[in-house]
């Protein structure tokens, strides 16, 4: 992982429309995911830790599916 202070992640707006809040939260999640997965190779994305069988790559794939099927309707 890279230094979290190197680039500030976007903050969702404190005021505004519901769509702006959802999109702001989505941008923050995207930036956090990019930060957490930066520097990982394919093996790192396939690694499962602890009792869970989910991998970072699987989590990213799931988030992409949810974003495509739900958030795209905004």
PDB file of N, CA and C in Angstrom:
ATOM      1  N   UNK A   1       0.832  -1.176   0.000  1.00  0.00           N
ATOM      2  CA  UNK A   1       0.000   0.000   0.000  1.00  0.00           C
ATOM      3  C   UNK A   1       0.876   1.238   0.000  1.00  0.00           C
ATOM      4  N   UNK A   2       0.390   2.249  -0.658  1.00  0.00           N
ATOM      5  CA  UNK A   2       1.130   3.504  -0.675  1.00  0.00           C
ATOM      6  C   UNK A   2       0.739   4.351   0.525  1.00  0.00           C
ATOM      7  N   UNK A   3       1.427   5.452   0.688  1.00  0.00           N
ATOM      8  CA  UNK A   3       1.163   6.368   1.799  1.00  0.00           C
ATOM      9  C   UNK A   3      -0.207   7.020   1.632  1.00  0.00           C
ATOM     10  N   UNK A   4      -1.135   6.868   2.619  1.00  0.00           N
ATOM     11  CA  UNK A   4      -2.468   7.450   2.476  1.00  0.00           C
ATOM     12  C   UNK A   4      -2.471   8.971   2.475  1.00  0.00           C
ATOM     13  N   UNK A   5      -1.406   9.574   2.970  1.00  0.00           N
ATOM     14  CA  UNK A   5      -1.359  11.033   2.996  1.00  0.00           C
ATOM     15  C   UNK A   5      -0.811  11.609   1.705  1.00  0.00           C
ATOM     16  N   UNK A   6      -0.331  10.747   0.797  1.00  0.00           N
ATOM     17  CA  UNK A   6       0.266  11.225  -0.452  1.00  0.00           C
ATOM     18  C   UNK A   6      -0.769  11.899  -1.348  1.00  0.00           C
ATOM     19  N   UNK A   7      -1.964  11.399  -1.399  1.00  0.00           N
ATOM     20  CA  UNK A   7      -3.028  11.992  -2.205  1.00  0.00           C
ATOM     21  C   UNK A   7      -4.326  11.927  -1.432  1.00  0.00           C
ATOM     22  N   UNK A   8      -4.953  13.059  -1.253  1.00  0.00           N
ATOM     23  CA  UNK A   8      -6.190  13.085  -0.481  1.00  0.00           C
ATOM     24  C   UNK A   8      -7.311  12.413  -1.263  1.00  0.00           C
ATOM     25  N   UNK A   9      -8.057  11.575  -0.575  1.00  0.00           N
ATOM     26  CA  UNK A   9      -9.216  10.953  -1.198  1.00  0.00           C
ATOM     27  C   UNK A   9     -10.366  11.939  -1.188  1.00  0.00           C
ATOM     28  N   UNK A  10     -11.226  11.878  -2.190  1.00  0.00           N
ATOM     29  CA  UNK A  10     -12.330  12.834  -2.254  1.00  0.00           C
ATOM     30  C   UNK A  10     -13.316  12.627  -1.103  1.00  0.00           C
ATOM     31  N   UNK A  11     -13.897  13.698  -0.654  1.00  0.00           N
ATOM     32  CA  UNK A  11     -14.912  13.660   0.396  1.00  0.00           C
ATOM     33  C   UNK A  11     -16.284  13.856  -0.233  1.00  0.00           C
ATOM     34  N   UNK A  12     -17.277  13.078   0.187  1.00  0.00           N
ATOM     35  CA  UNK A  12     -18.641  13.330  -0.293  1.00  0.00           C
ATOM     36  C   UNK A  12     -19.099  14.711   0.168  1.00  0.00           C
ATOM     37  N   UNK A  13     -19.955  15.359  -0.600  1.00  0.00           N
ATOM     38  CA  UNK A  13     -20.419  16.693  -0.201  1.00  0.00           C
ATOM     39  C   UNK A  13     -21.256  16.637   1.073  1.00  0.00           C
ATOM     40  N   UNK A  14     -21.110  17.654   1.909  1.00  0.00           N
ATOM     41  CA  UNK A  14     -21.898  17.722   3.135  1.00  0.00           C
ATOM     42  C   UNK A  14     -23.314  18.220   2.873  1.00  0.00           C
ATOM     43  N   UNK A  15     -23.482  18.954   1.802  1.00  0.00           N
ATOM     44  CA  UNK A  15     -24.798  19.455   1.435  1.00  0.00           C
ATOM     45  C   UNK A  15     -24.973  19.260  -0.061  1.00  0.00           C
ATOM     46  N   UNK A  16     -26.190  19.137  -0.492  1.00  0.00           N
ATOM     47  CA  UNK A  16     -26.451  18.947  -1.907  1.00  0.00           C
ATOM     48  C   UNK A  16     -27.542  17.924  -2.117  1.00  0.00           C
ATOM     49  N   UNK A  17     -27.643  17.457  -3.324  1.00  0.00           N
ATOM     50  CA  UNK A  17     -28.697  16.506  -3.658  1.00  0.00           C
ATOM     51  C   UNK A  17     -28.314  15.098  -3.201  1.00  0.00           C
ATOM     52  N   UNK A  18     -29.299  14.234  -3.184  1.00  0.00           N
ATOM     53  CA  UNK A  18     -29.053  12.840  -2.830  1.00  0.00           C
ATOM     54  C   UNK A  18     -28.112  12.192  -3.838  1.00  0.00           C
ATOM     55  N   UNK A  19     -28.314  12.498  -5.106  1.00  0.00           N
ATOM     56  CA  UNK A  19     -27.446  11.940  -6.149  1.00  0.00           C
ATOM     57  C   UNK A  19     -26.004  12.390  -5.956  1.00  0.00           C
ATOM     58  N   UNK A  20     -25.794  13.645  -5.595  1.00  0.00           N
ATOM     59  CA  UNK A  20     -24.439  14.146  -5.368  1.00  0.00           C
ATOM     60  C   UNK A  20     -23.783  13.432  -4.188  1.00  0.00           C
ATOM     61  N   UNK A  21     -24.565  13.150  -3.148  1.00  0.00           N
ATOM     62  CA  UNK A  21     -24.031  12.435  -1.986  1.00  0.00           C
ATOM     63  C   UNK A  21     -23.651  11.002  -2.348  1.00  0.00           C
ATOM     64  N   UNK A  22     -24.506  10.320  -3.115  1.00  0.00           N
ATOM     65  CA  UNK A  22     -24.225   8.943  -3.526  1.00  0.00           C
ATOM     66  C   UNK A  22     -22.994   8.899  -4.426  1.00  0.00           C
ATOM     67  N   UNK A  23     -22.928   9.799  -5.393  1.00  0.00           N
ATOM     68  CA  UNK A  23     -21.785   9.828  -6.300  1.00  0.00           C
ATOM     69  C   UNK A  23     -20.498  10.203  -5.563  1.00  0.00           C
ATOM     70  N   UNK A  24     -20.602  11.105  -4.586  1.00  0.00           N
ATOM     71  CA  UNK A  24     -19.432  11.470  -3.786  1.00  0.00           C
ATOM     72  C   UNK A  24     -18.925  10.295  -2.963  1.00  0.00           C
ATOM     73  N   UNK A  25     -19.851   9.535  -2.372  1.00  0.00           N
ATOM     74  CA  UNK A  25     -19.460   8.353  -1.606  1.00  0.00           C
ATOM     75  C   UNK A  25     -18.851   7.299  -2.522  1.00  0.00           C
ATOM     76  N   UNK A  26     -19.392   7.171  -3.721  1.00  0.00           N
ATOM     77  CA  UNK A  26     -18.867   6.220  -4.695  1.00  0.00           C
ATOM     78  C   UNK A  26     -17.443   6.591  -5.109  1.00  0.00           C
ATOM     79  N   UNK A  27     -17.200   7.861  -5.352  1.00  0.00           N
ATOM     80  CA  UNK A  27     -15.846   8.314  -5.714  1.00  0.00           C
ATOM     81  C   UNK A  27     -14.866   8.056  -4.578  1.00  0.00           C
ATOM     82  N   UNK A  28     -15.299   8.260  -3.343  1.00  0.00           N
ATOM     83  CA  UNK A  28     -14.419   7.994  -2.195  1.00  0.00           C
ATOM     84  C   UNK A  28     -14.102   6.507  -2.100  1.00  0.00           C
ATOM     85  N   UNK A  29     -15.107   5.643  -2.310  1.00  0.00           N
ATOM     86  CA  UNK A  29     -14.874   4.201  -2.264  1.00  0.00           C
ATOM     87  C   UNK A  29     -13.931   3.767  -3.377  1.00  0.00           C
ATOM     88  N   UNK A  30     -14.112   4.340  -4.561  1.00  0.00           N
ATOM     89  CA  UNK A  30     -13.216   4.023  -5.677  1.00  0.00           C
ATOM     90  C   UNK A  30     -11.777   4.417  -5.348  1.00  0.00           C
ATOM     91  N   UNK A  31     -11.601   5.610  -4.805  1.00  0.00           N
ATOM     92  CA  UNK A  31     -10.252   6.086  -4.467  1.00  0.00           C
ATOM     93  C   UNK A  31      -9.635   5.229  -3.369  1.00  0.00           C
ATOM     94  N   UNK A  32     -10.433   4.837  -2.372  1.00  0.00           N
ATOM     95  CA  UNK A  32      -9.933   3.986  -1.298  1.00  0.00           C
ATOM     96  C   UNK A  32      -9.527   2.628  -1.840  1.00  0.00           C
ATOM     97  N   UNK A  33     -10.343   2.058  -2.714  1.00  0.00           N
ATOM     98  CA  UNK A  33     -10.024   0.758  -3.311  1.00  0.00           C
ATOM     99  C   UNK A  33      -8.746   0.839  -4.134  1.00  0.00           C
ATOM    100  N   UNK A  34      -8.600   1.890  -4.910  1.00  0.00           N
ATOM    101  CA  UNK A  34      -7.393   2.066  -5.713  1.00  0.00           C
ATOM    102  C   UNK A  34      -6.165   2.182  -4.813  1.00  0.00           C
ATOM    103  N   UNK A  35      -6.294   2.904  -3.718  1.00  0.00           N
ATOM    104  CA  UNK A  35      -5.187   3.058  -2.777  1.00  0.00           C
ATOM    105  C   UNK A  35      -4.831   1.717  -2.130  1.00  0.00           C
ATOM    106  N   UNK A  36      -5.842   0.974  -1.676  1.00  0.00           N
ATOM    107  CA  UNK A  36      -5.599  -0.301  -0.996  1.00  0.00           C
ATOM    108  C   UNK A  36      -4.995  -1.346  -1.937  1.00  0.00           C
ATOM    109  N   UNK A  37      -5.383  -1.325  -3.207  1.00  0.00           N
ATOM    110  CA  UNK A  37      -4.922  -2.345  -4.157  1.00  0.00           C
ATOM    111  C   UNK A  37      -3.695  -1.926  -4.952  1.00  0.00           C
ATOM    112  N   UNK A  38      -3.255  -0.689  -4.798  1.00  0.00           N
ATOM    113  CA  UNK A  38      -2.104  -0.234  -5.577  1.00  0.00           C
ATOM    114  C   UNK A  38      -0.868  -1.040  -5.196  1.00  0.00           C
ATOM    115  N   UNK A  39      -0.126  -1.416  -6.196  1.00  0.00           N
ATOM    116  CA  UNK A  39       1.097  -2.160  -5.969  1.00  0.00           C
ATOM    117  C   UNK A  39       0.913  -3.663  -5.871  1.00  0.00           C
ATOM    118  N   UNK A  40      -0.324  -4.156  -5.898  1.00  0.00           N
ATOM    119  CA  UNK A  40      -0.550  -5.597  -5.831  1.00  0.00           C
ATOM    120  C   UNK A  40      -0.433  -6.214  -7.216  1.00  0.00           C
ATOM    121  N   UNK A  41       0.144  -7.389  -7.262  1.00  0.00           N
ATOM    122  CA  UNK A  41       0.184  -8.125  -8.518  1.00  0.00           C
ATOM    123  C   UNK A  41      -1.019  -9.065  -8.560  1.00  0.00           C
ATOM    124  N   UNK A  42      -1.111  -9.889  -9.585  1.00  0.00           N
ATOM    125  CA  UNK A  42      -2.246 -10.798  -9.742  1.00  0.00           C
ATOM    126  C   UNK A  42      -2.363 -11.749  -8.554  1.00  0.00           C
ATOM    127  N   UNK A  43      -1.246 -12.220  -8.047  1.00  0.00           N
ATOM    128  CA  UNK A  43      -1.272 -13.122  -6.896  1.00  0.00           C
ATOM    129  C   UNK A  43      -1.819 -12.415  -5.655  1.00  0.00           C
ATOM    130  N   UNK A  44      -1.456 -11.161  -5.486  1.00  0.00           N
ATOM    131  CA  UNK A  44      -1.972 -10.388  -4.360  1.00  0.00           C
ATOM    132  C   UNK A  44      -3.471 -10.178  -4.431  1.00  0.00           C
ATOM    133  N   UNK A  45      -3.988  -9.961  -5.627  1.00  0.00           N
ATOM    134  CA  UNK A  45      -5.428  -9.788  -5.799  1.00  0.00           C
ATOM    135  C   UNK A  45      -6.191 -11.102  -5.616  1.00  0.00           C
ATOM    136  N   UNK A  46      -5.515 -12.242  -5.822  1.00  0.00           N
ATOM    137  CA  UNK A  46      -6.156 -13.548  -5.663  1.00  0.00           C
ATOM    138  C   UNK A  46      -6.034 -14.101  -4.246  1.00  0.00           C
ATOM    139  N   UNK A  47      -5.222 -13.496  -3.399  1.00  0.00           N
ATOM    140  CA  UNK A  47      -4.986 -14.017  -2.054  1.00  0.00           C
ATOM    141  C   UNK A  47      -6.202 -13.809  -1.158  1.00  0.00           C
ATOM    142  N   UNK A  48      -6.554 -14.838  -0.401  1.00  0.00           N
ATOM    143  CA  UNK A  48      -7.627 -14.759   0.593  1.00  0.00           C
ATOM    144  C   UNK A  48      -6.986 -14.839   1.971  1.00  0.00           C
ATOM    145  N   UNK A  49      -7.436 -14.004   2.885  1.00  0.00           N
ATOM    146  CA  UNK A  49      -6.867 -13.973   4.228  1.00  0.00           C
ATOM    147  C   UNK A  49      -7.934 -14.327   5.260  1.00  0.00           C
ATOM    148  N   UNK A  50      -7.523 -14.994   6.302  1.00  0.00           N
ATOM    149  CA  UNK A  50      -8.433 -15.331   7.385  1.00  0.00           C
ATOM    150  C   UNK A  50      -9.483 -16.346   6.988  1.00  0.00           C
ATOM    151  N   UNK A  51     -10.609 -16.359   7.707  1.00  0.00           N
ATOM    152  CA  UNK A  51     -11.632 -17.369   7.461  1.00  0.00           C
ATOM    153  C   UNK A  51     -12.447 -17.116   6.189  1.00  0.00           C
ATOM    154  N   UNK A  52     -12.371 -15.932   5.627  1.00  0.00           N
ATOM    155  CA  UNK A  52     -13.145 -15.593   4.437  1.00  0.00           C
ATOM    156  C   UNK A  52     -12.449 -16.118   3.185  1.00  0.00           C
ATOM    157  N   UNK A  53     -13.242 -16.465   2.187  1.00  0.00           N
ATOM    158  CA  UNK A  53     -12.675 -16.911   0.915  1.00  0.00           C
ATOM    159  C   UNK A  53     -12.660 -15.792  -0.116  1.00  0.00           C
ATOM    160  N   UNK A  54     -13.179 -14.613   0.247  1.00  0.00           N
ATOM    161  CA  UNK A  54     -13.199 -13.513  -0.718  1.00  0.00           C
ATOM    162  C   UNK A  54     -11.804 -12.925  -0.865  1.00  0.00           C
ATOM    163  N   UNK A  55     -11.506 -12.525  -2.071  1.00  0.00           N
ATOM    164  CA  UNK A  55     -10.215 -11.903  -2.367  1.00  0.00           C
ATOM    165  C   UNK A  55     -10.447 -10.437  -2.717  1.00  0.00           C
ATOM    166  N   UNK A  56      -9.377  -9.649  -2.736  1.00  0.00           N
ATOM    167  CA  UNK A  56      -9.528  -8.250  -3.145  1.00  0.00           C
ATOM    168  C   UNK A  56     -10.013  -8.163  -4.588  1.00  0.00           C
ATOM    169  N   UNK A  57      -9.491  -9.042  -5.440  1.00  0.00           N
ATOM    170  CA  UNK A  57      -9.945  -9.061  -6.828  1.00  0.00           C
ATOM    171  C   UNK A  57     -11.426  -9.396  -6.926  1.00  0.00           C
ATOM    172  N   UNK A  58     -11.883 -10.354  -6.133  1.00  0.00           N
ATOM    173  CA  UNK A  58     -13.300 -10.712  -6.111  1.00  0.00           C
ATOM    174  C   UNK A  58     -14.164  -9.574  -5.591  1.00  0.00           C
ATOM    175  N   UNK A  59     -13.673  -8.873  -4.589  1.00  0.00           N
ATOM    176  CA  UNK A  59     -14.397  -7.732  -4.040  1.00  0.00           C
ATOM    177  C   UNK A  59     -14.508  -6.610  -5.070  1.00  0.00           C
ATOM    178  N   UNK A  60     -13.426  -6.337  -5.778  1.00  0.00           N
ATOM    179  CA  UNK A  60     -13.458  -5.313  -6.826  1.00  0.00           C
ATOM    180  C   UNK A  60     -14.435  -5.698  -7.938  1.00  0.00           C
ATOM    181  N   UNK A  61     -14.446  -6.980  -8.299  1.00  0.00           N
ATOM    182  CA  UNK A  61     -15.368  -7.458  -9.330  1.00  0.00           C
ATOM    183  C   UNK A  61     -16.817  -7.294  -8.859  1.00  0.00           C
ATOM    184  N   UNK A  62     -17.091  -7.618  -7.617  1.00  0.00           N
ATOM    185  CA  UNK A  62     -18.447  -7.474  -7.065  1.00  0.00           C
ATOM    186  C   UNK A  62     -18.872  -6.013  -7.047  1.00  0.00           C
ATOM    187  N   UNK A  63     -17.981  -5.129  -6.585  1.00  0.00           N
ATOM    188  CA  UNK A  63     -18.313  -3.705  -6.556  1.00  0.00           C
ATOM    189  C   UNK A  63     -18.596  -3.169  -7.954  1.00  0.00           C
ATOM    190  N   UNK A  64     -17.829  -3.622  -8.939  1.00  0.00           N
ATOM    191  CA  UNK A  64     -18.055  -3.189 -10.318  1.00  0.00           C
ATOM    192  C   UNK A  64     -19.429  -3.647 -10.802  1.00  0.00           C
ATOM    193  N   UNK A  65     -19.810  -4.868 -10.443  1.00  0.00           N
ATOM    194  CA  UNK A  65     -21.131  -5.379 -10.835  1.00  0.00           C
ATOM    195  C   UNK A  65     -22.244  -4.562 -10.178  1.00  0.00           C
ATOM    196  N   UNK A  66     -22.114  -4.313  -8.886  1.00  0.00           N
ATOM    197  CA  UNK A  66     -23.128  -3.533  -8.170  1.00  0.00           C
ATOM    198  C   UNK A  66     -23.226  -2.128  -8.747  1.00  0.00           C
ATOM    199  N   UNK A  67     -22.083  -1.513  -8.990  1.00  0.00           N
ATOM    200  CA  UNK A  67     -22.076  -0.171  -9.559  1.00  0.00           C
ATOM    201  C   UNK A  67     -22.753  -0.152 -10.924  1.00  0.00           C
ATOM    202  N   UNK A  68     -22.448  -1.137 -11.743  1.00  0.00           N
ATOM    203  CA  UNK A  68     -23.027  -1.200 -13.073  1.00  0.00           C
ATOM    204  C   UNK A  68     -24.536  -1.424 -13.019  1.00  0.00           C
ATOM    205  N   UNK A  69     -24.983  -2.316 -12.147  1.00  0.00           N
ATOM    206  CA  UNK A  69     -26.391  -2.666 -12.137  1.00  0.00           C
ATOM    207  C   UNK A  69     -27.275  -1.744 -11.290  1.00  0.00           C
ATOM    208  N   UNK A  70     -26.718  -1.087 -10.279  1.00  0.00           N
ATOM    209  CA  UNK A  70     -27.530  -0.250  -9.399  1.00  0.00           C
ATOM    210  C   UNK A  70     -27.269   1.245  -9.547  1.00  0.00           C
ATOM    211  N   UNK A  71     -26.023   1.623  -9.463  1.00  0.00           N
ATOM    212  CA  UNK A  71     -25.676   3.048  -9.468  1.00  0.00           C
ATOM    213  C   UNK A  71     -25.903   3.645 -10.861  1.00  0.00           C
ATOM    214  N   UNK A  72     -25.786   2.870 -11.895  1.00  0.00           N
ATOM    215  CA  UNK A  72     -25.980   3.378 -13.250  1.00  0.00           C
ATOM    216  C   UNK A  72     -27.402   3.882 -13.458  1.00  0.00           C
ATOM    217  N   UNK A  73     -28.322   3.486 -12.603  1.00  0.00           N
ATOM    218  CA  UNK A  73     -29.721   3.943 -12.731  1.00  0.00           C
ATOM    219  C   UNK A  73     -29.942   5.355 -12.233  1.00  0.00           C
ATOM    220  N   UNK A  74     -28.961   5.932 -11.555  1.00  0.00           N
ATOM    221  CA  UNK A  74     -29.119   7.301 -11.057  1.00  0.00           C
ATOM    222  C   UNK A  74     -29.213   8.192 -12.255  1.00  0.00           C
TER     223      UNK A  74
END
